PDB file of N, CA and C in Angstrom:
ATOM      1  N   MET A   1       0.841  -1.173   0.000  1.00  0.00           N
ATOM      2  CA  MET A   1       0.000   0.000   0.000  1.00  0.00           C
ATOM      3  C   MET A   1       0.889   1.239   0.000  1.00  0.00           C
ATOM      4  N   ARG A   2       0.528   2.215  -0.791  1.00  0.00           N
ATOM      5  CA  ARG A   2       1.247   3.496  -0.823  1.00  0.00           C
ATOM      6  C   ARG A   2       0.546   4.481   0.100  1.00  0.00           C
ATOM      7  N   VAL A   3       1.334   5.122   0.952  1.00  0.00           N
ATOM      8  CA  VAL A   3       0.768   6.084   1.890  1.00  0.00           C
ATOM      9  C   VAL A   3       1.358   7.482   1.713  1.00  0.00           C
ATOM     10  N   GLY A   4       2.145   7.688   0.681  1.00  0.00           N
ATOM     11  CA  GLY A   4       2.685   9.012   0.418  1.00  0.00           C
ATOM     12  C   GLY A   4       4.173   9.129   0.663  1.00  0.00           C
ATOM     13  N   ASN A   5       4.706   8.351   1.569  1.00  0.00           N
ATOM     14  CA  ASN A   5       6.148   8.306   1.805  1.00  0.00           C
ATOM     15  C   ASN A   5       6.486   6.928   2.383  1.00  0.00           C
ATOM     16  N   PRO A   6       7.738   6.529   2.315  1.00  0.00           N
ATOM     17  CA  PRO A   6       8.084   5.178   2.780  1.00  0.00           C
ATOM     18  C   PRO A   6       7.987   5.047   4.303  1.00  0.00           C
ATOM     19  N   ASN A   7       7.399   3.965   4.739  1.00  0.00           N
ATOM     20  CA  ASN A   7       7.263   3.639   6.152  1.00  0.00           C
ATOM     21  C   ASN A   7       7.668   2.191   6.367  1.00  0.00           C
ATOM     22  N   VAL A   8       8.414   1.942   7.425  1.00  0.00           N
ATOM     23  CA  VAL A   8       8.767   0.590   7.841  1.00  0.00           C
ATOM     24  C   VAL A   8       8.100   0.365   9.189  1.00  0.00           C
ATOM     25  N   MET A   9       7.370  -0.732   9.322  1.00  0.00           N
ATOM     26  CA  MET A   9       6.714  -1.057  10.583  1.00  0.00           C
ATOM     27  C   MET A   9       7.385  -2.270  11.207  1.00  0.00           C
ATOM     28  N   VAL A  10       7.765  -2.130  12.474  1.00  0.00           N
ATOM     29  CA  VAL A  10       8.399  -3.214  13.215  1.00  0.00           C
ATOM     30  C   VAL A  10       7.478  -3.564  14.385  1.00  0.00           C
ATOM     31  N   PHE A  11       7.031  -4.810  14.432  1.00  0.00           N
ATOM     32  CA  PHE A  11       6.137  -5.246  15.500  1.00  0.00           C
ATOM     33  C   PHE A  11       6.966  -5.634  16.722  1.00  0.00           C
ATOM     34  N   VAL A  12       6.608  -5.042  17.861  1.00  0.00           N
ATOM     35  CA  VAL A  12       7.377  -5.193  19.099  1.00  0.00           C
ATOM     36  C   VAL A  12       6.429  -5.551  20.242  1.00  0.00           C
ATOM     37  N   ASP A  13       7.014  -5.933  21.368  1.00  0.00           N
ATOM     38  CA  ASP A  13       6.204  -6.264  22.546  1.00  0.00           C
ATOM     39  C   ASP A  13       5.622  -5.033  23.224  1.00  0.00           C
ATOM     40  N   ASP A  14       6.376  -3.924  23.224  1.00  0.00           N
ATOM     41  CA  ASP A  14       5.919  -2.709  23.884  1.00  0.00           C
ATOM     42  C   ASP A  14       6.627  -1.504  23.263  1.00  0.00           C
ATOM     43  N   PRO A  15       5.932  -0.725  22.441  1.00  0.00           N
ATOM     44  CA  PRO A  15       6.574   0.432  21.797  1.00  0.00           C
ATOM     45  C   PRO A  15       7.195   1.416  22.782  1.00  0.00           C
ATOM     46  N   ALA A  16       6.603   1.570  23.958  1.00  0.00           N
ATOM     47  CA  ALA A  16       7.118   2.531  24.949  1.00  0.00           C
ATOM     48  C   ALA A  16       8.506   2.144  25.455  1.00  0.00           C
ATOM     49  N   ARG A  17       8.845   0.868  25.381  1.00  0.00           N
ATOM     50  CA  ARG A  17      10.128   0.404  25.901  1.00  0.00           C
ATOM     51  C   ARG A  17      11.205   0.298  24.830  1.00  0.00           C
ATOM     52  N   GLU A  18      10.864   0.594  23.594  1.00  0.00           N
ATOM     53  CA  GLU A  18      11.830   0.482  22.493  1.00  0.00           C
ATOM     54  C   GLU A  18      12.756   1.686  22.425  1.00  0.00           C
ATOM     55  N   ASP A  19      14.003   1.446  22.062  1.00  0.00           N
ATOM     56  CA  ASP A  19      14.940   2.512  21.723  1.00  0.00           C
ATOM     57  C   ASP A  19      14.640   2.867  20.263  1.00  0.00           C
ATOM     58  N   LEU A  20      13.789   3.862  20.081  1.00  0.00           N
ATOM     59  CA  LEU A  20      13.281   4.182  18.744  1.00  0.00           C
ATOM     60  C   LEU A  20      14.392   4.648  17.801  1.00  0.00           C
ATOM     61  N   VAL A  21      15.375   5.360  18.314  1.00  0.00           N
ATOM     62  CA  VAL A  21      16.490   5.813  17.480  1.00  0.00           C
ATOM     63  C   VAL A  21      17.271   4.614  16.951  1.00  0.00           C
ATOM     64  N   ALA A  22      17.568   3.663  17.820  1.00  0.00           N
ATOM     65  CA  ALA A  22      18.300   2.464  17.393  1.00  0.00           C
ATOM     66  C   ALA A  22      17.469   1.617  16.433  1.00  0.00           C
ATOM     67  N   LEU A  23      16.184   1.494  16.713  1.00  0.00           N
ATOM     68  CA  LEU A  23      15.299   0.728  15.834  1.00  0.00           C
ATOM     69  C   LEU A  23      15.243   1.360  14.446  1.00  0.00           C
ATOM     70  N   ALA A  24      15.153   2.693  14.399  1.00  0.00           N
ATOM     71  CA  ALA A  24      15.115   3.401  13.115  1.00  0.00           C
ATOM     72  C   ALA A  24      16.435   3.246  12.369  1.00  0.00           C
ATOM     73  N   ALA A  25      17.548   3.339  13.079  1.00  0.00           N
ATOM     74  CA  ALA A  25      18.858   3.193  12.432  1.00  0.00           C
ATOM     75  C   ALA A  25      19.018   1.804  11.835  1.00  0.00           C
ATOM     76  N   ALA A  26      18.645   0.776  12.583  1.00  0.00           N
ATOM     77  CA  ALA A  26      18.769  -0.599  12.079  1.00  0.00           C
ATOM     78  C   ALA A  26      17.836  -0.843  10.898  1.00  0.00           C
ATOM     79  N   SER A  27      16.620  -0.329  10.982  1.00  0.00           N
ATOM     80  CA  SER A  27      15.630  -0.546   9.916  1.00  0.00           C
ATOM     81  C   SER A  27      16.002   0.173   8.635  1.00  0.00           C
ATOM     82  N   THR A  28      16.447   1.428   8.757  1.00  0.00           N
ATOM     83  CA  THR A  28      16.777   2.185   7.552  1.00  0.00           C
ATOM     84  C   THR A  28      18.099   1.728   6.941  1.00  0.00           C
ATOM     85  N   ALA A  29      18.954   1.080   7.731  1.00  0.00           N
ATOM     86  CA  ALA A  29      20.183   0.500   7.166  1.00  0.00           C
ATOM     87  C   ALA A  29      19.837  -0.597   6.163  1.00  0.00           C
ATOM     88  N   ILE A  30      18.703  -1.260   6.386  1.00  0.00           N
ATOM     89  CA  ILE A  30      18.248  -2.329   5.487  1.00  0.00           C
ATOM     90  C   ILE A  30      17.322  -1.785   4.402  1.00  0.00           C
ATOM     91  N   ALA A  31      16.334  -0.976   4.809  1.00  0.00           N
ATOM     92  CA  ALA A  31      15.273  -0.550   3.895  1.00  0.00           C
ATOM     93  C   ALA A  31      15.557   0.756   3.164  1.00  0.00           C
ATOM     94  N   GLY A  32      16.512   1.543   3.644  1.00  0.00           N
ATOM     95  CA  GLY A  32      16.745   2.859   3.079  1.00  0.00           C
ATOM     96  C   GLY A  32      15.948   3.903   3.836  1.00  0.00           C
ATOM     97  N   PRO A  33      16.034   5.173   3.398  1.00  0.00           N
ATOM     98  CA  PRO A  33      15.365   6.261   4.121  1.00  0.00           C
ATOM     99  C   PRO A  33      13.855   6.019   4.236  1.00  0.00           C
ATOM    100  N   ALA A  34      13.350   6.083   5.458  1.00  0.00           N
ATOM    101  CA  ALA A  34      11.925   5.833   5.697  1.00  0.00           C
ATOM    102  C   ALA A  34      11.556   6.286   7.096  1.00  0.00           C
ATOM    103  N   ASN A  35      10.269   6.494   7.309  1.00  0.00           N
ATOM    104  CA  ASN A  35       9.744   6.624   8.659  1.00  0.00           C
ATOM    105  C   ASN A  35       9.734   5.219   9.238  1.00  0.00           C
ATOM    106  N   VAL A  36       9.993   5.096  10.542  1.00  0.00           N
ATOM    107  CA  VAL A  36      10.018   3.783  11.175  1.00  0.00           C
ATOM    108  C   VAL A  36       9.056   3.792  12.354  1.00  0.00           C
ATOM    109  N   GLY A  37       8.155   2.810  12.367  1.00  0.00           N
ATOM    110  CA  GLY A  37       7.184   2.705  13.445  1.00  0.00           C
ATOM    111  C   GLY A  37       7.400   1.464  14.278  1.00  0.00           C
ATOM    112  N   ALA A  38       7.251   1.616  15.592  1.00  0.00           N
ATOM    113  CA  ALA A  38       7.232   0.488  16.522  1.00  0.00           C
ATOM    114  C   ALA A  38       5.768   0.234  16.843  1.00  0.00           C
ATOM    115  N   VAL A  39       5.273  -0.943  16.478  1.00  0.00           N
ATOM    116  CA  VAL A  39       3.843  -1.252  16.544  1.00  0.00           C
ATOM    117  C   VAL A  39       3.590  -2.415  17.497  1.00  0.00           C
ATOM    118  N   MET A  40       2.480  -2.313  18.234  1.00  0.00           N
ATOM    119  CA  MET A  40       2.050  -3.401  19.098  1.00  0.00           C
ATOM    120  C   MET A  40       0.542  -3.588  18.963  1.00  0.00           C
ATOM    121  N   ARG A  41       0.114  -4.821  18.820  1.00  0.00           N
ATOM    122  CA  ARG A  41      -1.316  -5.140  18.799  1.00  0.00           C
ATOM    123  C   ARG A  41      -1.847  -5.047  20.219  1.00  0.00           C
ATOM    124  N   ARG A  42      -2.947  -4.303  20.398  1.00  0.00           N
ATOM    125  CA  ARG A  42      -3.571  -4.199  21.721  1.00  0.00           C
ATOM    126  C   ARG A  42      -4.882  -4.955  21.784  1.00  0.00           C
ATOM    127  N   GLY A  43      -5.431  -5.287  20.639  1.00  0.00           N
ATOM    128  CA  GLY A  43      -6.713  -5.994  20.576  1.00  0.00           C
ATOM    129  C   GLY A  43      -7.085  -6.205  19.130  1.00  0.00           C
ATOM    130  N   ARG A  44      -8.232  -6.819  18.879  1.00  0.00           N
ATOM    131  CA  ARG A  44      -8.626  -7.117  17.495  1.00  0.00           C
ATOM    132  C   ARG A  44      -8.866  -5.859  16.672  1.00  0.00           C
ATOM    133  N   GLY A  45      -9.135  -4.740  17.307  1.00  0.00           N
ATOM    134  CA  GLY A  45      -9.389  -3.503  16.574  1.00  0.00           C
ATOM    135  C   GLY A  45      -8.541  -2.341  17.040  1.00  0.00           C
ATOM    136  N   GLU A  46      -7.355  -2.632  17.619  1.00  0.00           N
ATOM    137  CA  GLU A  46      -6.570  -1.548  18.192  1.00  0.00           C
ATOM    138  C   GLU A  46      -5.084  -1.886  18.191  1.00  0.00           C
ATOM    139  N   ILE A  47      -4.267  -0.886  17.822  1.00  0.00           N
ATOM    140  CA  ILE A  47      -2.814  -1.020  17.884  1.00  0.00           C
ATOM    141  C   ILE A  47      -2.234   0.209  18.568  1.00  0.00           C
ATOM    142  N   GLU A  48      -1.012   0.056  19.053  1.00  0.00           N
ATOM    143  CA  GLU A  48      -0.266   1.174  19.626  1.00  0.00           C
ATOM    144  C   GLU A  48       0.935   1.429  18.728  1.00  0.00           C
ATOM    145  N   LEU A  49       1.311   2.705  18.557  1.00  0.00           N
ATOM    146  CA  LEU A  49       2.354   3.061  17.601  1.00  0.00           C
ATOM    147  C   LEU A  49       3.192   4.225  18.098  1.00  0.00           C
ATOM    148  N   ARG A  50       4.508   4.094  17.947  1.00  0.00           N
ATOM    149  CA  ARG A  50       5.450   5.221  18.085  1.00  0.00           C
ATOM    150  C   ARG A  50       6.173   5.326  16.756  1.00  0.00           C
ATOM    151  N   VAL A  51       6.425   6.568  16.311  1.00  0.00           N
ATOM    152  CA  VAL A  51       7.032   6.767  14.993  1.00  0.00           C
ATOM    153  C   VAL A  51       8.266   7.658  15.080  1.00  0.00           C
ATOM    154  N   HIS A  52       9.311   7.215  14.392  1.00  0.00           N
ATOM    155  CA  HIS A  52      10.518   8.003  14.171  1.00  0.00           C
ATOM    156  C   HIS A  52      10.449   8.458  12.714  1.00  0.00           C
ATOM    157  N   GLU A  53      10.189   9.744  12.497  1.00  0.00           N
ATOM    158  CA  GLU A  53      10.072  10.255  11.128  1.00  0.00           C
ATOM    159  C   GLU A  53      11.445  10.621  10.594  1.00  0.00           C
ATOM    160  N   ARG A  54      11.696  10.229   9.349  1.00  0.00           N
ATOM    161  CA  ARG A  54      13.004  10.495   8.743  1.00  0.00           C
ATOM    162  C   ARG A  54      13.267  11.994   8.711  1.00  0.00           C
ATOM    163  N   GLY A  55      14.457  12.344   9.122  1.00  0.00           N
ATOM    164  CA  GLY A  55      14.861  13.742   9.130  1.00  0.00           C
ATOM    165  C   GLY A  55      14.315  14.563  10.283  1.00  0.00           C
ATOM    166  N   VAL A  56      13.485  13.971  11.132  1.00  0.00           N
ATOM    167  CA  VAL A  56      12.845  14.715  12.213  1.00  0.00           C
ATOM    168  C   VAL A  56      13.131  14.096  13.575  1.00  0.00           C
ATOM    169  N   GLY A  57      12.972  12.790  13.677  1.00  0.00           N
ATOM    170  CA  GLY A  57      13.061  12.101  14.963  1.00  0.00           C
ATOM    171  C   GLY A  57      11.683  11.655  15.391  1.00  0.00           C
ATOM    172  N   GLU A  58      11.532  11.364  16.676  1.00  0.00           N
ATOM    173  CA  GLU A  58      10.232  10.891  17.155  1.00  0.00           C
ATOM    174  C   GLU A  58       9.211  12.019  17.107  1.00  0.00           C
ATOM    175  N   THR A  59       8.010  11.681  16.659  1.00  0.00           N
ATOM    176  CA  THR A  59       6.919  12.653  16.593  1.00  0.00           C
ATOM    177  C   THR A  59       5.755  12.153  17.442  1.00  0.00           C
ATOM    178  N   LEU A  60       4.887  13.065  17.833  1.00  0.00           N
ATOM    179  CA  LEU A  60       3.729  12.697  18.645  1.00  0.00           C
ATOM    180  C   LEU A  60       2.681  11.938  17.849  1.00  0.00           C
ATOM    181  N   ALA A  61       2.630  12.196  16.547  1.00  0.00           N
ATOM    182  CA  ALA A  61       1.650  11.535  15.688  1.00  0.00           C
ATOM    183  C   ALA A  61       2.168  11.522  14.257  1.00  0.00           C
ATOM    184  N   CYS A  62       1.684  10.573  13.490  1.00  0.00           N
ATOM    185  CA  CYS A  62       2.089  10.463  12.086  1.00  0.00           C
ATOM    186  C   CYS A  62       0.956   9.800  11.321  1.00  0.00           C
ATOM    187  N   GLY A  63       0.300  10.557  10.454  1.00  0.00           N
ATOM    188  CA  GLY A  63      -0.833  10.025   9.697  1.00  0.00           C
ATOM    189  C   GLY A  63      -0.451   8.895   8.762  1.00  0.00           C
ATOM    190  N   THR A  64       0.630   9.093   7.996  1.00  0.00           N
ATOM    191  CA  THR A  64       1.029   8.023   7.079  1.00  0.00           C
ATOM    192  C   THR A  64       1.506   6.804   7.859  1.00  0.00           C
ATOM    193  N   GLY A  65       2.120   7.038   9.014  1.00  0.00           N
ATOM    194  CA  GLY A  65       2.545   5.928   9.857  1.00  0.00           C
ATOM    195  C   GLY A  65       1.358   5.154  10.409  1.00  0.00           C
ATOM    196  N   ALA A  66       0.319   5.866  10.832  1.00  0.00           N
ATOM    197  CA  ALA A  66      -0.882   5.209  11.352  1.00  0.00           C
ATOM    198  C   ALA A  66      -1.524   4.330  10.280  1.00  0.00           C
ATOM    199  N   VAL A  67      -1.642   4.860   9.076  1.00  0.00           N
ATOM    200  CA  VAL A  67      -2.238   4.093   7.980  1.00  0.00           C
ATOM    201  C   VAL A  67      -1.345   2.902   7.619  1.00  0.00           C
ATOM    202  N   GLY A  68      -0.040   3.134   7.533  1.00  0.00           N
ATOM    203  CA  GLY A  68       0.887   2.053   7.224  1.00  0.00           C
ATOM    204  C   GLY A  68       0.878   0.966   8.289  1.00  0.00           C
ATOM    205  N   ALA A  69       0.782   1.359   9.559  1.00  0.00           N
ATOM    206  CA  ALA A  69       0.746   0.389  10.652  1.00  0.00           C
ATOM    207  C   ALA A  69      -0.512  -0.473  10.579  1.00  0.00           C
ATOM    208  N   VAL A  70      -1.641   0.150  10.260  1.00  0.00           N
ATOM    209  CA  VAL A  70      -2.884  -0.614  10.118  1.00  0.00           C
ATOM    210  C   VAL A  70      -2.780  -1.579   8.941  1.00  0.00           C
ATOM    211  N   ALA A  71      -2.255  -1.114   7.819  1.00  0.00           N
ATOM    212  CA  ALA A  71      -2.101  -1.995   6.658  1.00  0.00           C
ATOM    213  C   ALA A  71      -1.220  -3.193   7.005  1.00  0.00           C
ATOM    214  N   ALA A  72      -0.124  -2.949   7.726  1.00  0.00           N
ATOM    215  CA  ALA A  72       0.778  -4.041   8.113  1.00  0.00           C
ATOM    216  C   ALA A  72       0.096  -4.982   9.097  1.00  0.00           C
ATOM    217  N   ALA A  73      -0.627  -4.427  10.072  1.00  0.00           N
ATOM    218  CA  ALA A  73      -1.318  -5.262  11.059  1.00  0.00           C
ATOM    219  C   ALA A  73      -2.410  -6.102  10.402  1.00  0.00           C
ATOM    220  N   LEU A  74      -3.097  -5.527   9.421  1.00  0.00           N
ATOM    221  CA  LEU A  74      -4.110  -6.294   8.684  1.00  0.00           C
ATOM    222  C   LEU A  74      -3.462  -7.426   7.891  1.00  0.00           C
ATOM    223  N   ALA A  75      -2.334  -7.142   7.254  1.00  0.00           N
ATOM    224  CA  ALA A  75      -1.638  -8.165   6.469  1.00  0.00           C
ATOM    225  C   ALA A  75      -1.191  -9.319   7.357  1.00  0.00           C
ATOM    226  N   ARG A  76      -0.835  -9.009   8.606  1.00  0.00           N
ATOM    227  CA  ARG A  76      -0.421 -10.046   9.559  1.00  0.00           C
ATOM    228  C   ARG A  76      -1.610 -10.723  10.239  1.00  0.00           C
ATOM    229  N   LYS A  77      -2.810 -10.196   9.961  1.00  0.00           N
ATOM    230  CA  LYS A  77      -4.042 -10.665  10.595  1.00  0.00           C
ATOM    231  C   LYS A  77      -4.038 -10.437  12.111  1.00  0.00           C
ATOM    232  N   ASP A  78      -3.348  -9.382  12.524  1.00  0.00           N
ATOM    233  CA  ASP A  78      -3.328  -8.995  13.936  1.00  0.00           C
ATOM    234  C   ASP A  78      -4.584  -8.233  14.337  1.00  0.00           C
ATOM    235  N   VAL A  79      -5.215  -7.560  13.372  1.00  0.00           N
ATOM    236  CA  VAL A  79      -6.420  -6.774  13.640  1.00  0.00           C
ATOM    237  C   VAL A  79      -7.467  -7.097  12.585  1.00  0.00           C
ATOM    238  N   GLU A  80      -8.684  -6.699  12.889  1.00  0.00           N
ATOM    239  CA  GLU A  80      -9.777  -6.847  11.928  1.00  0.00           C
ATOM    240  C   GLU A  80     -10.823  -5.789  12.234  1.00  0.00           C
ATOM    241  N   GLY A  81     -11.671  -5.537  11.257  1.00  0.00           N
ATOM    242  CA  GLY A  81     -12.764  -4.606  11.468  1.00  0.00           C
ATOM    243  C   GLY A  81     -12.758  -3.463  10.475  1.00  0.00           C
ATOM    244  N   HIS A  82     -13.817  -2.661  10.559  1.00  0.00           N
ATOM    245  CA  HIS A  82     -13.987  -1.523   9.651  1.00  0.00           C
ATOM    246  C   HIS A  82     -13.361  -0.259  10.204  1.00  0.00           C
ATOM    247  N   GLU A  83     -13.029  -0.257  11.490  1.00  0.00           N
ATOM    248  CA  GLU A  83     -12.345   0.870  12.123  1.00  0.00           C
ATOM    249  C   GLU A  83     -11.286   0.322  13.065  1.00  0.00           C
ATOM    250  N   ILE A  84     -10.057   0.729  12.842  1.00  0.00           N
ATOM    251  CA  ILE A  84      -8.955   0.313  13.701  1.00  0.00           C
ATOM    252  C   ILE A  84      -8.456   1.545  14.450  1.00  0.00           C
ATOM    253  N   ARG A  85      -8.425   1.459  15.757  1.00  0.00           N
ATOM    254  CA  ARG A  85      -7.911   2.556  16.589  1.00  0.00           C
ATOM    255  C   ARG A  85      -6.395   2.451  16.648  1.00  0.00           C
ATOM    256  N   VAL A  86      -5.732   3.608  16.469  1.00  0.00           N
ATOM    257  CA  VAL A  86      -4.276   3.665  16.547  1.00  0.00           C
ATOM    258  C   VAL A  86      -3.929   4.630  17.674  1.00  0.00           C
ATOM    259  N   ILE A  87      -3.307   4.106  18.715  1.00  0.00           N
ATOM    260  CA  ILE A  87      -2.939   4.910  19.877  1.00  0.00           C
ATOM    261  C   ILE A  87      -1.508   5.402  19.686  1.00  0.00           C
ATOM    262  N   LEU A  88      -1.358   6.712  19.609  1.00  0.00           N
ATOM    263  CA  LEU A  88      -0.067   7.378  19.422  1.00  0.00           C
ATOM    264  C   LEU A  88       0.222   8.226  20.654  1.00  0.00           C
ATOM    265  N   PRO A  89       1.481   8.605  20.896  1.00  0.00           N
ATOM    266  CA  PRO A  89       1.776   9.466  22.047  1.00  0.00           C
ATOM    267  C   PRO A  89       0.967  10.771  22.060  1.00  0.00           C
ATOM    268  N   GLY A  90       0.620  11.285  20.899  1.00  0.00           N
ATOM    269  CA  GLY A  90      -0.116  12.544  20.818  1.00  0.00           C
ATOM    270  C   GLY A  90      -1.624  12.402  20.825  1.00  0.00           C
ATOM    271  N   GLY A  91      -2.135  11.185  20.861  1.00  0.00           N
ATOM    272  CA  GLY A  91      -3.575  10.964  20.861  1.00  0.00           C
ATOM    273  C   GLY A  91      -3.955   9.767  20.014  1.00  0.00           C
ATOM    274  N   THR A  92      -5.228   9.520  19.940  1.00  0.00           N
ATOM    275  CA  THR A  92      -5.744   8.347  19.229  1.00  0.00           C
ATOM    276  C   THR A  92      -6.426   8.780  17.942  1.00  0.00           C
ATOM    277  N   VAL A  93      -6.152   8.045  16.873  1.00  0.00           N
ATOM    278  CA  VAL A  93      -6.819   8.253  15.590  1.00  0.00           C
ATOM    279  C   VAL A  93      -7.514   6.963  15.198  1.00  0.00           C
ATOM    280  N   VAL A  94      -8.385   7.068  14.216  1.00  0.00           N
ATOM    281  CA  VAL A  94      -9.094   5.910  13.690  1.00  0.00           C
ATOM    282  C   VAL A  94      -8.749   5.781  12.211  1.00  0.00           C
ATOM    283  N   VAL A  95      -8.422   4.567  11.801  1.00  0.00           N
ATOM    284  CA  VAL A  95      -8.166   4.279  10.390  1.00  0.00           C
ATOM    285  C   VAL A  95      -9.264   3.336   9.917  1.00  0.00           C
ATOM    286  N   ARG A  96      -9.893   3.711   8.803  1.00  0.00           N
ATOM    287  CA  ARG A  96     -10.935   2.879   8.195  1.00  0.00           C
ATOM    288  C   ARG A  96     -10.387   2.291   6.891  1.00  0.00           C
ATOM    289  N   PRO A  97      -9.995   1.011   6.927  1.00  0.00           N
ATOM    290  CA  PRO A  97      -9.431   0.391   5.729  1.00  0.00           C
ATOM    291  C   PRO A  97     -10.511   0.127   4.688  1.00  0.00           C
ATOM    292  N   GLY A  98     -10.138   0.319   3.434  1.00  0.00           N
ATOM    293  CA  GLY A  98     -11.044   0.034   2.327  1.00  0.00           C
ATOM    294  C   GLY A  98     -10.316  -0.705   1.223  1.00  0.00           C
ATOM    295  N   GLN A  99     -11.030  -1.056   0.185  1.00  0.00           N
ATOM    296  CA  GLN A  99     -10.439  -1.778  -0.936  1.00  0.00           C
ATOM    297  C   GLN A  99      -9.452  -0.923  -1.718  1.00  0.00           C
ATOM    298  N   GLU A 100      -9.848   0.316  -2.012  1.00  0.00           N
ATOM    299  CA  GLU A 100      -9.036   1.208  -2.848  1.00  0.00           C
ATOM    300  C   GLU A 100      -8.218   2.211  -2.040  1.00  0.00           C
ATOM    301  N   ARG A 101      -8.734   2.595  -0.870  1.00  0.00           N
ATOM    302  CA  ARG A 101      -8.048   3.596  -0.056  1.00  0.00           C
ATOM    303  C   ARG A 101      -8.445   3.426   1.401  1.00  0.00           C
ATOM    304  N   TYR A 102      -7.656   4.037   2.259  1.00  0.00           N
ATOM    305  CA  TYR A 102      -7.929   4.039   3.694  1.00  0.00           C
ATOM    306  C   TYR A 102      -8.309   5.457   4.088  1.00  0.00           C
ATOM    307  N   GLU A 103      -9.174   5.582   5.089  1.00  0.00           N
ATOM    308  CA  GLU A 103      -9.531   6.892   5.633  1.00  0.00           C
ATOM    309  C   GLU A 103      -8.913   7.033   7.019  1.00  0.00           C
ATOM    310  N   LEU A 104      -8.456   8.237   7.309  1.00  0.00           N
ATOM    311  CA  LEU A 104      -7.853   8.544   8.603  1.00  0.00           C
ATOM    312  C   LEU A 104      -8.679   9.639   9.261  1.00  0.00           C
ATOM    313  N   ALA A 105      -9.059   9.441  10.519  1.00  0.00           N
ATOM    314  CA  ALA A 105      -9.842  10.436  11.237  1.00  0.00           C
ATOM    315  C   ALA A 105      -9.277  10.608  12.640  1.00  0.00           C
ATOM    316  N   GLY A 106      -9.260  11.843  13.101  1.00  0.00           N
ATOM    317  CA  GLY A 106      -8.789  12.109  14.450  1.00  0.00           C
ATOM    318  C   GLY A 106      -8.659  13.594  14.677  1.00  0.00           C
ATOM    319  N   PRO A 107      -8.315  13.984  15.885  1.00  0.00           N
ATOM    320  CA  PRO A 107      -8.201  15.397  16.217  1.00  0.00           C
ATOM    321  C   PRO A 107      -6.936  16.012  15.615  1.00  0.00           C
ATOM    322  N   ALA A 108      -6.970  17.309  15.460  1.00  0.00           N
ATOM    323  CA  ALA A 108      -5.794  18.064  15.006  1.00  0.00           C
ATOM    324  C   ALA A 108      -5.672  19.305  15.883  1.00  0.00           C
ATOM    325  N   GLU A 109      -4.453  19.590  16.303  1.00  0.00           N
ATOM    326  CA  GLU A 109      -4.213  20.753  17.143  1.00  0.00           C
ATOM    327  C   GLU A 109      -2.934  21.446  16.704  1.00  0.00           C
ATOM    328  N   TYR A 110      -2.908  22.763  16.828  1.00  0.00           N
ATOM    329  CA  TYR A 110      -1.669  23.502  16.602  1.00  0.00           C
ATOM    330  C   TYR A 110      -0.721  23.180  17.752  1.00  0.00           C
ATOM    331  N   VAL A 111       0.499  22.837  17.438  1.00  0.00           N
ATOM    332  CA  VAL A 111       1.495  22.616  18.482  1.00  0.00           C
ATOM    333  C   VAL A 111       2.669  23.584  18.345  1.00  0.00           C
ATOM    334  N   PHE A 112       2.671  24.355  17.264  1.00  0.00           N
ATOM    335  CA  PHE A 112       3.754  25.304  17.035  1.00  0.00           C
ATOM    336  C   PHE A 112       3.303  26.334  16.022  1.00  0.00           C
ATOM    337  N   SER A 113       3.767  27.545  16.176  1.00  0.00           N
ATOM    338  CA  SER A 113       3.613  28.559  15.131  1.00  0.00           C
ATOM    339  C   SER A 113       4.902  29.376  15.139  1.00  0.00           C
ATOM    340  N   GLY A 114       5.194  29.970  14.031  1.00  0.00           N
ATOM    341  CA  GLY A 114       6.420  30.748  13.927  1.00  0.00           C
ATOM    342  C   GLY A 114       6.360  31.691  12.750  1.00  0.00           C
ATOM    343  N   GLU A 115       7.407  32.471  12.627  1.00  0.00           N
ATOM    344  CA  GLU A 115       7.527  33.411  11.519  1.00  0.00           C
ATOM    345  C   GLU A 115       8.900  33.267  10.897  1.00  0.00           C
ATOM    346  N   VAL A 116       8.974  33.494   9.596  1.00  0.00           N
ATOM    347  CA  VAL A 116      10.246  33.486   8.888  1.00  0.00           C
ATOM    348  C   VAL A 116      10.723  34.930   8.839  1.00  0.00           C
ATOM    349  N   ALA A 117      11.907  35.154   9.338  1.00  0.00           N
ATOM    350  CA  ALA A 117      12.469  36.507   9.366  1.00  0.00           C
ATOM    351  C   ALA A 117      12.994  36.887   7.992  1.00  0.00           C
ATOM    352  N   ASP A 118      12.756  38.106   7.611  1.00  0.00           N
ATOM    353  CA  ASP A 118      13.283  38.636   6.357  1.00  0.00           C
ATOM    354  C   ASP A 118      14.683  39.180   6.654  1.00  0.00           C
ATOM    355  N   GLU A 119      15.700  38.571   6.084  1.00  0.00           N
ATOM    356  CA  GLU A 119      17.079  38.960   6.387  1.00  0.00           C
ATOM    357  C   GLU A 119      17.667  39.907   5.353  1.00  0.00           C
ATOM    358  N   THR A 120      16.847  40.675   4.687  1.00  0.00           N
ATOM    359  CA  THR A 120      17.386  41.619   3.699  1.00  0.00           C
ATOM    360  C   THR A 120      17.692  42.954   4.304  1.00  0.00           C
TER     361      THR A 120
END
């Protein structure tokens, strides 16, 4: 499944206990530049996810990562259903898998604003 940018999902026992930097380094050494997610099945309709975004580091949430994690969990038959909850450090989103595309729903909040200084 294409989600807009490359994502590697690694299924682990507990994403909170993973060294995400080391996991991302090992994964991208094999797969090349990509976002790397540590995923854990929490139930038939729920997963937990932490994401290390390429060029950024760990983020509170990642839409493409959430969709990619659900696609991977479905392929492994770890989850089932029309709505899969994805628990991220920044909050919970819902992914609705479909035949042609997946839908992502969840809250959005400003976490930063800034201005670009004119240096002329």
